[in-house]
Amino acid sequence: MEATEAEAALDWPIQDVARMAGTTSRTLRHYDDIGLLKPSRVGRNGYRYYNAAALLQLQRILLLRGLGLGLPAIAEVFQHETDALKALSRHLDWLRQEQARLARQVLSVQQTIETVKGGGELMAEKMFDGFDHTQYKDEVEERWGKEAYAKSDAWWRGMGTEQKQEWKSRAEKLGSDWIAASGSGLAADSPEAQDLARRHVDWLSSIPGTPASESGGDVKGYVVGLAEMYVADARFAANYGGEAGAGFVRDALRAYAKKNL
């Protein structure tokens, strides 16, 4: 249907949208084909046009893609989260946290470069500013109390540089193994997935202050609760390849907890 002058003034052709969003017309057409992003209208020449509402939807798609979510997972998010402004507010909070963390990392690396160039002595604590776990302080305190965070924070700060790097490498290896298992088509209750779940629980138990590390703590409730958080919070889901991968981790941990905890 041909647009009126008023309608034409309020939308943008696909080429302009692709340019502004840093993507391609082909990608936008694919989003249309799978029902993820419909144009506001299609001209007689077959060109797709997008209005402000469509651009808002595209912004959300790009934000979620940046968090590591796949297109099926994004479609599922949209099905369950129809309030775009509320969703964008949560995205904005996360982006601000990431902005602050990255700014600290930039400053830390700059200081390291300047110190090395000048032949000075490296300060280990400053080298790792912005790389630690304190970005989750509020979540930990809200869910498990200030004492739990204080214990884990003291444990972290009490480790040497090599110990911290070893622990991070262990966490990264666990995450990459989960992503590989999820992408291989394994069932969540398969022996391979359950071995990963066992490793995951062992890893959680190694962190002081968590219910998994405390004698008499609610290990099962803690593990199952964390598993749900991995799916519900895109920041955590990104560690496992997006919401689909996080769902696989959740299901495997649920199965493990039911049988072993």
C-alpha atoms as a PDB file:
ATOM      1  CA  MET A   1       0.000   0.000   0.000  1.00  0.00           C
ATOM      2  CA  GLU A   2       1.336   3.422  -0.923  1.00  0.00           C
ATOM      3  CA  ALA A   3       2.095   5.627   2.063  1.00  0.00           C
ATOM      4  CA  THR A   4       0.660   9.071   2.626  1.00  0.00           C
ATOM      5  CA  GLU A   5       3.084  11.990   2.907  1.00  0.00           C
ATOM      6  CA  ALA A   6       2.605  11.988   6.689  1.00  0.00           C
ATOM      7  CA  GLU A   7       3.422   8.279   6.950  1.00  0.00           C
ATOM      8  CA  ALA A   8       6.455   8.595   4.681  1.00  0.00           C
ATOM      9  CA  ALA A   9       7.826  11.351   6.900  1.00  0.00           C
ATOM     10  CA  LEU A  10       7.680   9.057   9.938  1.00  0.00           C
ATOM     11  CA  ASP A  11       9.495   6.018   8.629  1.00  0.00           C
ATOM     12  CA  TRP A  12      12.838   5.098   7.106  1.00  0.00           C
ATOM     13  CA  PRO A  13      13.719   2.817   4.166  1.00  0.00           C
ATOM     14  CA  ILE A  14      15.530  -0.422   4.896  1.00  0.00           C
ATOM     15  CA  GLN A  15      18.868   0.815   3.510  1.00  0.00           C
ATOM     16  CA  ASP A  16      18.890   3.794   5.887  1.00  0.00           C
ATOM     17  CA  VAL A  17      17.923   1.657   8.860  1.00  0.00           C
ATOM     18  CA  ALA A  18      20.666  -0.858   8.076  1.00  0.00           C
ATOM     19  CA  ARG A  19      23.233   1.925   7.812  1.00  0.00           C
ATOM     20  CA  MET A  20      22.172   3.600  11.052  1.00  0.00           C
ATOM     21  CA  ALA A  21      22.087   0.320  12.975  1.00  0.00           C
ATOM     22  CA  GLY A  22      25.403  -0.940  11.608  1.00  0.00           C
ATOM     23  CA  THR A  23      23.821  -4.020  10.084  1.00  0.00           C
ATOM     24  CA  THR A  24      22.728  -5.091   6.578  1.00  0.00           C
ATOM     25  CA  SER A  25      19.501  -5.050   4.609  1.00  0.00           C
ATOM     26  CA  ARG A  26      19.822  -8.812   4.270  1.00  0.00           C
ATOM     27  CA  THR A  27      19.841  -9.184   8.061  1.00  0.00           C
ATOM     28  CA  LEU A  28      16.750  -6.999   8.404  1.00  0.00           C
ATOM     29  CA  ARG A  29      14.947  -9.023   5.751  1.00  0.00           C
ATOM     30  CA  HIS A  30      15.870 -12.186   7.665  1.00  0.00           C
ATOM     31  CA  TYR A  31      14.431 -10.702  10.858  1.00  0.00           C
ATOM     32  CA  ASP A  32      11.230 -10.044   8.894  1.00  0.00           C
ATOM     33  CA  ASP A  33      11.148 -13.589   7.495  1.00  0.00           C
ATOM     34  CA  ILE A  34      11.347 -15.175  10.949  1.00  0.00           C
ATOM     35  CA  GLY A  35       8.829 -12.756  12.472  1.00  0.00           C
ATOM     36  CA  LEU A  36      11.282 -11.025  14.765  1.00  0.00           C
ATOM     37  CA  LEU A  37      11.097  -7.548  13.222  1.00  0.00           C
ATOM     38  CA  LYS A  38       8.304  -6.641  10.836  1.00  0.00           C
ATOM     39  CA  PRO A  39       8.538  -3.429   8.766  1.00  0.00           C
ATOM     40  CA  SER A  40       5.857  -0.856   9.419  1.00  0.00           C
ATOM     41  CA  ARG A  41       4.944  -0.955   5.729  1.00  0.00           C
ATOM     42  CA  VAL A  42       6.093  -2.277   2.370  1.00  0.00           C
ATOM     43  CA  GLY A  43       6.049   0.066  -0.624  1.00  0.00           C
ATOM     44  CA  ARG A  44       4.807  -0.754  -4.118  1.00  0.00           C
ATOM     45  CA  ASN A  45       8.408  -1.271  -5.149  1.00  0.00           C
ATOM     46  CA  GLY A  46       8.763  -3.970  -2.466  1.00  0.00           C
ATOM     47  CA  TYR A  47      10.995  -1.857  -0.256  1.00  0.00           C
ATOM     48  CA  ARG A  48      10.540  -2.261   3.486  1.00  0.00           C
ATOM     49  CA  TYR A  49      10.048   0.821   5.662  1.00  0.00           C
ATOM     50  CA  TYR A  50      10.418   1.090   9.439  1.00  0.00           C
ATOM     51  CA  ASN A  51       8.751   3.524  11.821  1.00  0.00           C
ATOM     52  CA  ALA A  52       9.808   4.544  15.339  1.00  0.00           C
ATOM     53  CA  ALA A  53       8.193   1.487  16.955  1.00  0.00           C
ATOM     54  CA  ALA A  54      10.099  -0.815  14.603  1.00  0.00           C
ATOM     55  CA  LEU A  55      13.361   0.992  15.368  1.00  0.00           C
ATOM     56  CA  LEU A  56      12.703   0.521  19.079  1.00  0.00           C
ATOM     57  CA  GLN A  57      12.248  -3.201  18.467  1.00  0.00           C
ATOM     58  CA  LEU A  58      15.477  -3.302  16.452  1.00  0.00           C
ATOM     59  CA  GLN A  59      17.368  -1.566  19.242  1.00  0.00           C
ATOM     60  CA  ARG A  60      16.212  -4.242  21.677  1.00  0.00           C
ATOM     61  CA  ILE A  61      17.252  -6.986  19.269  1.00  0.00           C
ATOM     62  CA  LEU A  62      20.737  -5.521  18.917  1.00  0.00           C
ATOM     63  CA  LEU A  63      21.105  -5.102  22.678  1.00  0.00           C
ATOM     64  CA  LEU A  64      20.130  -8.707  23.312  1.00  0.00           C
ATOM     65  CA  ARG A  65      22.409  -9.908  20.528  1.00  0.00           C
ATOM     66  CA  GLY A  66      25.204  -8.007  22.216  1.00  0.00           C
ATOM     67  CA  LEU A  67      24.492  -9.973  25.395  1.00  0.00           C
ATOM     68  CA  GLY A  68      25.040 -13.207  23.502  1.00  0.00           C
ATOM     69  CA  LEU A  69      21.441 -14.284  22.967  1.00  0.00           C
ATOM     70  CA  GLY A  70      20.528 -16.155  19.797  1.00  0.00           C
ATOM     71  CA  LEU A  71      17.534 -15.213  17.659  1.00  0.00           C
ATOM     72  CA  PRO A  72      15.233 -17.972  19.038  1.00  0.00           C
ATOM     73  CA  ALA A  73      16.040 -16.842  22.583  1.00  0.00           C
ATOM     74  CA  ILE A  74      15.335 -13.213  21.664  1.00  0.00           C
ATOM     75  CA  ALA A  75      11.974 -14.201  20.184  1.00  0.00           C
ATOM     76  CA  GLU A  76      11.137 -15.957  23.448  1.00  0.00           C
ATOM     77  CA  VAL A  77      12.114 -12.858  25.435  1.00  0.00           C
ATOM     78  CA  PHE A  78       9.764 -10.737  23.330  1.00  0.00           C
ATOM     79  CA  GLN A  79       6.926 -13.199  23.887  1.00  0.00           C
ATOM     80  CA  HIS A  80       7.202 -12.915  27.653  1.00  0.00           C
ATOM     81  CA  GLU A  81       8.272  -9.288  27.941  1.00  0.00           C
ATOM     82  CA  THR A  82       5.938  -6.955  26.094  1.00  0.00           C
ATOM     83  CA  ASP A  83       6.739  -3.736  27.988  1.00  0.00           C
ATOM     84  CA  ALA A  84       9.544  -2.325  25.830  1.00  0.00           C
ATOM     85  CA  LEU A  85      10.257   0.669  28.084  1.00  0.00           C
ATOM     86  CA  LYS A  86      10.625  -1.502  31.182  1.00  0.00           C
ATOM     87  CA  ALA A  87      12.897  -3.884  29.297  1.00  0.00           C
ATOM     88  CA  LEU A  88      15.036  -1.053  27.942  1.00  0.00           C
ATOM     89  CA  SER A  89      15.366   0.399  31.432  1.00  0.00           C
ATOM     90  CA  ARG A  90      16.846  -2.889  32.601  1.00  0.00           C
ATOM     91  CA  HIS A  91      19.160  -2.930  29.584  1.00  0.00           C
ATOM     92  CA  LEU A  92      20.240   0.615  30.420  1.00  0.00           C
ATOM     93  CA  ASP A  93      21.051  -0.323  34.016  1.00  0.00           C
ATOM     94  CA  TRP A  94      23.191  -3.210  32.803  1.00  0.00           C
ATOM     95  CA  LEU A  95      24.921  -1.060  30.165  1.00  0.00           C
ATOM     96  CA  ARG A  96      25.781   1.562  32.776  1.00  0.00           C
ATOM     97  CA  GLN A  97      27.292  -1.100  35.005  1.00  0.00           C
ATOM     98  CA  GLU A  98      29.285  -2.430  32.072  1.00  0.00           C
ATOM     99  CA  GLN A  99      30.356   1.098  31.123  1.00  0.00           C
ATOM    100  CA  ALA A 100      31.711   1.705  34.630  1.00  0.00           C
ATOM    101  CA  ARG A 101      33.461  -1.669  34.695  1.00  0.00           C
ATOM    102  CA  LEU A 102      35.034  -1.158  31.257  1.00  0.00           C
ATOM    103  CA  ALA A 103      36.169   2.340  32.208  1.00  0.00           C
ATOM    104  CA  ARG A 104      38.008   0.828  35.177  1.00  0.00           C
ATOM    105  CA  GLN A 105      39.556  -1.809  32.929  1.00  0.00           C
ATOM    106  CA  VAL A 106      40.716   0.830  30.437  1.00  0.00           C
ATOM    107  CA  LEU A 107      42.338   2.868  33.206  1.00  0.00           C
ATOM    108  CA  SER A 108      43.926  -0.258  34.680  1.00  0.00           C
ATOM    109  CA  VAL A 109      45.470  -1.317  31.351  1.00  0.00           C
ATOM    110  CA  GLN A 110      46.642   2.232  30.619  1.00  0.00           C
ATOM    111  CA  GLN A 111      48.386   2.361  33.995  1.00  0.00           C
ATOM    112  CA  THR A 112      50.009  -1.019  33.346  1.00  0.00           C
ATOM    113  CA  ILE A 113      51.334   0.151  29.949  1.00  0.00           C
ATOM    114  CA  GLU A 114      52.698   3.372  31.420  1.00  0.00           C
ATOM    115  CA  THR A 115      54.335   1.490  34.306  1.00  0.00           C
ATOM    116  CA  VAL A 116      55.976  -1.063  31.993  1.00  0.00           C
ATOM    117  CA  LYS A 117      57.211   1.668  29.630  1.00  0.00           C
ATOM    118  CA  GLY A 118      58.685   3.606  32.516  1.00  0.00           C
ATOM    119  CA  GLY A 119      60.367   0.571  34.045  1.00  0.00           C
ATOM    120  CA  GLY A 120      58.341   0.886  37.229  1.00  0.00           C
ATOM    121  CA  GLU A 121      57.026  -1.808  39.552  1.00  0.00           C
ATOM    122  CA  LEU A 122      53.620  -3.278  38.728  1.00  0.00           C
ATOM    123  CA  MET A 123      50.967  -3.050  41.439  1.00  0.00           C
ATOM    124  CA  ALA A 124      48.982  -6.299  41.301  1.00  0.00           C
ATOM    125  CA  GLU A 125      45.810  -4.948  42.872  1.00  0.00           C
ATOM    126  CA  LYS A 126      45.627  -2.032  40.432  1.00  0.00           C
ATOM    127  CA  MET A 127      46.297  -4.320  37.478  1.00  0.00           C
ATOM    128  CA  PHE A 128      43.067  -6.206  38.118  1.00  0.00           C
ATOM    129  CA  ASP A 129      40.781  -3.276  38.907  1.00  0.00           C
ATOM    130  CA  GLY A 130      37.579  -3.761  36.930  1.00  0.00           C
ATOM    131  CA  PHE A 131      38.195  -7.471  36.449  1.00  0.00           C
ATOM    132  CA  ASP A 132      36.788  -8.798  39.724  1.00  0.00           C
ATOM    133  CA  HIS A 133      33.416 -10.072  40.850  1.00  0.00           C
ATOM    134  CA  THR A 134      32.208  -7.011  42.766  1.00  0.00           C
ATOM    135  CA  GLN A 135      29.828  -6.066  39.947  1.00  0.00           C
ATOM    136  CA  TYR A 136      27.432  -8.643  41.464  1.00  0.00           C
ATOM    137  CA  LYS A 137      27.691  -7.309  45.025  1.00  0.00           C
ATOM    138  CA  ASP A 138      24.086  -6.067  45.248  1.00  0.00           C
ATOM    139  CA  GLU A 139      22.643  -9.303  43.851  1.00  0.00           C
ATOM    140  CA  VAL A 140      24.634 -11.457  46.261  1.00  0.00           C
ATOM    141  CA  GLU A 141      23.737  -9.359  49.305  1.00  0.00           C
ATOM    142  CA  GLU A 142      20.062  -9.235  48.362  1.00  0.00           C
ATOM    143  CA  ARG A 143      19.772 -12.990  47.809  1.00  0.00           C
ATOM    144  CA  TRP A 144      22.138 -14.439  50.416  1.00  0.00           C
ATOM    145  CA  GLY A 145      22.969 -11.627  52.829  1.00  0.00           C
ATOM    146  CA  LYS A 146      25.844  -9.232  53.450  1.00  0.00           C
ATOM    147  CA  GLU A 147      27.824 -11.838  55.397  1.00  0.00           C
ATOM    148  CA  ALA A 148      27.888 -14.140  52.369  1.00  0.00           C
ATOM    149  CA  TYR A 149      29.261 -11.377  50.179  1.00  0.00           C
ATOM    150  CA  ALA A 150      31.774 -10.260  52.817  1.00  0.00           C
ATOM    151  CA  LYS A 151      33.173 -13.804  53.120  1.00  0.00           C
ATOM    152  CA  SER A 152      33.494 -14.329  49.388  1.00  0.00           C
ATOM    153  CA  ASP A 153      34.956 -10.853  48.891  1.00  0.00           C
ATOM    154  CA  ALA A 154      37.568 -11.405  51.620  1.00  0.00           C
ATOM    155  CA  TRP A 155      38.451 -14.779  50.082  1.00  0.00           C
ATOM    156  CA  TRP A 156      38.886 -13.198  46.650  1.00  0.00           C
ATOM    157  CA  ARG A 157      40.993 -10.293  47.848  1.00  0.00           C
ATOM    158  CA  GLY A 158      43.118 -12.632  49.938  1.00  0.00           C
ATOM    159  CA  MET A 159      44.258 -14.604  46.893  1.00  0.00           C
ATOM    160  CA  GLY A 160      47.436 -13.839  45.013  1.00  0.00           C
ATOM    161  CA  THR A 161      47.528 -12.848  41.352  1.00  0.00           C
ATOM    162  CA  GLU A 162      48.284 -16.374  40.139  1.00  0.00           C
ATOM    163  CA  GLN A 163      45.513 -17.863  42.268  1.00  0.00           C
ATOM    164  CA  LYS A 164      43.000 -15.374  40.899  1.00  0.00           C
ATOM    165  CA  GLN A 165      44.010 -16.119  37.329  1.00  0.00           C
ATOM    166  CA  GLU A 166      43.817 -19.868  37.958  1.00  0.00           C
ATOM    167  CA  TRP A 167      40.317 -19.500  39.387  1.00  0.00           C
ATOM    168  CA  LYS A 168      39.196 -17.348  36.454  1.00  0.00           C
ATOM    169  CA  SER A 169      40.616 -19.860  33.993  1.00  0.00           C
ATOM    170  CA  ARG A 170      38.694 -22.635  35.726  1.00  0.00           C
ATOM    171  CA  ALA A 171      35.461 -20.641  35.490  1.00  0.00           C
ATOM    172  CA  GLU A 172      36.053 -19.807  31.811  1.00  0.00           C
ATOM    173  CA  LYS A 173      36.800 -23.467  31.009  1.00  0.00           C
ATOM    174  CA  LEU A 174      33.597 -24.545  32.723  1.00  0.00           C
ATOM    175  CA  GLY A 175      31.618 -21.958  30.750  1.00  0.00           C
ATOM    176  CA  SER A 176      33.126 -22.986  27.416  1.00  0.00           C
ATOM    177  CA  ASP A 177      32.462 -26.668  28.181  1.00  0.00           C
ATOM    178  CA  TRP A 178      28.822 -25.862  28.929  1.00  0.00           C
ATOM    179  CA  ILE A 179      28.487 -23.968  25.636  1.00  0.00           C
ATOM    180  CA  ALA A 180      30.044 -26.872  23.717  1.00  0.00           C
ATOM    181  CA  ALA A 181      27.761 -29.398  25.400  1.00  0.00           C
ATOM    182  CA  SER A 182      24.673 -27.297  24.749  1.00  0.00           C
ATOM    183  CA  GLY A 183      25.562 -26.921  21.079  1.00  0.00           C
ATOM    184  CA  SER A 184      26.262 -30.632  20.625  1.00  0.00           C
ATOM    185  CA  GLY A 185      22.646 -31.678  21.128  1.00  0.00           C
ATOM    186  CA  LEU A 186      23.256 -33.568  24.386  1.00  0.00           C
ATOM    187  CA  ALA A 187      20.311 -34.158  26.689  1.00  0.00           C
ATOM    188  CA  ALA A 188      20.423 -32.255  29.967  1.00  0.00           C
ATOM    189  CA  ASP A 189      20.264 -35.522  31.927  1.00  0.00           C
ATOM    190  CA  SER A 190      22.937 -37.268  29.841  1.00  0.00           C
ATOM    191  CA  PRO A 191      26.053 -38.559  31.650  1.00  0.00           C
ATOM    192  CA  GLU A 192      28.186 -35.879  29.967  1.00  0.00           C
ATOM    193  CA  ALA A 193      25.877 -33.044  31.035  1.00  0.00           C
ATOM    194  CA  GLN A 194      25.577 -34.470  34.546  1.00  0.00           C
ATOM    195  CA  ASP A 195      29.364 -34.604  34.859  1.00  0.00           C
ATOM    196  CA  LEU A 196      29.428 -30.917  33.947  1.00  0.00           C
ATOM    197  CA  ALA A 197      26.748 -30.272  36.566  1.00  0.00           C
ATOM    198  CA  ARG A 198      28.905 -32.063  39.157  1.00  0.00           C
ATOM    199  CA  ARG A 199      31.885 -29.884  38.192  1.00  0.00           C
ATOM    200  CA  HIS A 200      29.668 -26.810  38.424  1.00  0.00           C
ATOM    201  CA  VAL A 201      28.493 -27.679  41.938  1.00  0.00           C
ATOM    202  CA  ASP A 202      32.099 -28.396  42.992  1.00  0.00           C
ATOM    203  CA  TRP A 203      33.082 -24.994  41.613  1.00  0.00           C
ATOM    204  CA  LEU A 204      30.276 -23.247  43.524  1.00  0.00           C
ATOM    205  CA  SER A 205      31.272 -25.117  46.683  1.00  0.00           C
ATOM    206  CA  SER A 206      34.785 -23.707  46.407  1.00  0.00           C
ATOM    207  CA  ILE A 207      33.559 -20.132  46.947  1.00  0.00           C
ATOM    208  CA  PRO A 208      33.440 -19.205  50.663  1.00  0.00           C
ATOM    209  CA  GLY A 209      30.265 -17.564  51.883  1.00  0.00           C
ATOM    210  CA  THR A 210      27.904 -19.389  49.536  1.00  0.00           C
ATOM    211  CA  PRO A 211      25.311 -21.873  50.847  1.00  0.00           C
ATOM    212  CA  ALA A 212      27.135 -24.520  48.798  1.00  0.00           C
ATOM    213  CA  SER A 213      30.293 -24.007  50.871  1.00  0.00           C
ATOM    214  CA  GLU A 214      28.680 -23.786  54.313  1.00  0.00           C
ATOM    215  CA  SER A 215      28.115 -26.858  56.468  1.00  0.00           C
ATOM    216  CA  GLY A 216      24.377 -27.429  56.680  1.00  0.00           C
ATOM    217  CA  GLY A 217      23.660 -24.873  53.951  1.00  0.00           C
ATOM    218  CA  ASP A 218      20.767 -25.252  51.531  1.00  0.00           C
ATOM    219  CA  VAL A 219      22.965 -26.447  48.685  1.00  0.00           C
ATOM    220  CA  LYS A 220      20.081 -27.745  46.604  1.00  0.00           C
ATOM    221  CA  GLY A 221      18.067 -24.533  46.916  1.00  0.00           C
ATOM    222  CA  TYR A 222      21.146 -22.465  46.166  1.00  0.00           C
ATOM    223  CA  VAL A 223      22.082 -24.428  43.040  1.00  0.00           C
ATOM    224  CA  VAL A 224      18.532 -24.500  41.672  1.00  0.00           C
ATOM    225  CA  GLY A 225      18.060 -20.802  42.426  1.00  0.00           C
ATOM    226  CA  LEU A 226      21.287 -19.895  40.638  1.00  0.00           C
ATOM    227  CA  ALA A 227      20.271 -22.061  37.696  1.00  0.00           C
ATOM    228  CA  GLU A 228      17.057 -20.059  37.322  1.00  0.00           C
ATOM    229  CA  MET A 229      19.029 -16.810  37.568  1.00  0.00           C
ATOM    230  CA  TYR A 230      21.267 -17.891  34.693  1.00  0.00           C
ATOM    231  CA  VAL A 231      18.207 -17.921  32.422  1.00  0.00           C
ATOM    232  CA  ALA A 232      16.358 -14.935  33.879  1.00  0.00           C
ATOM    233  CA  ASP A 233      19.302 -12.512  33.846  1.00  0.00           C
ATOM    234  CA  ALA A 234      20.875 -11.888  30.434  1.00  0.00           C
ATOM    235  CA  ARG A 235      24.195 -10.941  32.055  1.00  0.00           C
ATOM    236  CA  PHE A 236      24.553 -14.455  33.421  1.00  0.00           C
ATOM    237  CA  ALA A 237      23.042 -16.133  30.362  1.00  0.00           C
ATOM    238  CA  ALA A 238      25.768 -14.551  28.221  1.00  0.00           C
ATOM    239  CA  ASN A 239      28.323 -16.725  30.049  1.00  0.00           C
ATOM    240  CA  TYR A 240      26.668 -19.795  28.568  1.00  0.00           C
ATOM    241  CA  GLY A 241      26.105 -18.632  25.006  1.00  0.00           C
ATOM    242  CA  GLY A 242      22.774 -16.900  25.587  1.00  0.00           C
ATOM    243  CA  GLU A 243      19.394 -17.895  26.943  1.00  0.00           C
ATOM    244  CA  ALA A 244      19.226 -21.242  25.118  1.00  0.00           C
ATOM    245  CA  GLY A 245      22.597 -22.304  26.527  1.00  0.00           C
ATOM    246  CA  ALA A 246      21.641 -21.058  29.987  1.00  0.00           C
ATOM    247  CA  GLY A 247      18.438 -23.098  29.739  1.00  0.00           C
ATOM    248  CA  PHE A 248      20.509 -26.208  29.084  1.00  0.00           C
ATOM    249  CA  VAL A 249      22.683 -25.460  32.132  1.00  0.00           C
ATOM    250  CA  ARG A 250      19.571 -24.880  34.264  1.00  0.00           C
ATOM    251  CA  ASP A 251      17.964 -28.163  33.202  1.00  0.00           C
ATOM    252  CA  ALA A 252      21.179 -30.105  33.801  1.00  0.00           C
ATOM    253  CA  LEU A 253      21.658 -28.565  37.255  1.00  0.00           C
ATOM    254  CA  ARG A 254      18.021 -29.244  38.130  1.00  0.00           C
ATOM    255  CA  ALA A 255      18.423 -32.900  37.184  1.00  0.00           C
ATOM    256  CA  TYR A 256      21.677 -33.152  39.141  1.00  0.00           C
ATOM    257  CA  ALA A 257      20.211 -31.449  42.216  1.00  0.00           C
ATOM    258  CA  LYS A 258      17.147 -33.685  42.199  1.00  0.00           C
ATOM    259  CA  LYS A 259      19.259 -36.832  42.144  1.00  0.00           C
ATOM    260  CA  ASN A 260      22.306 -35.856  44.200  1.00  0.00           C
ATOM    261  CA  LEU A 261      21.594 -32.921  46.515  1.00  0.00           C
END
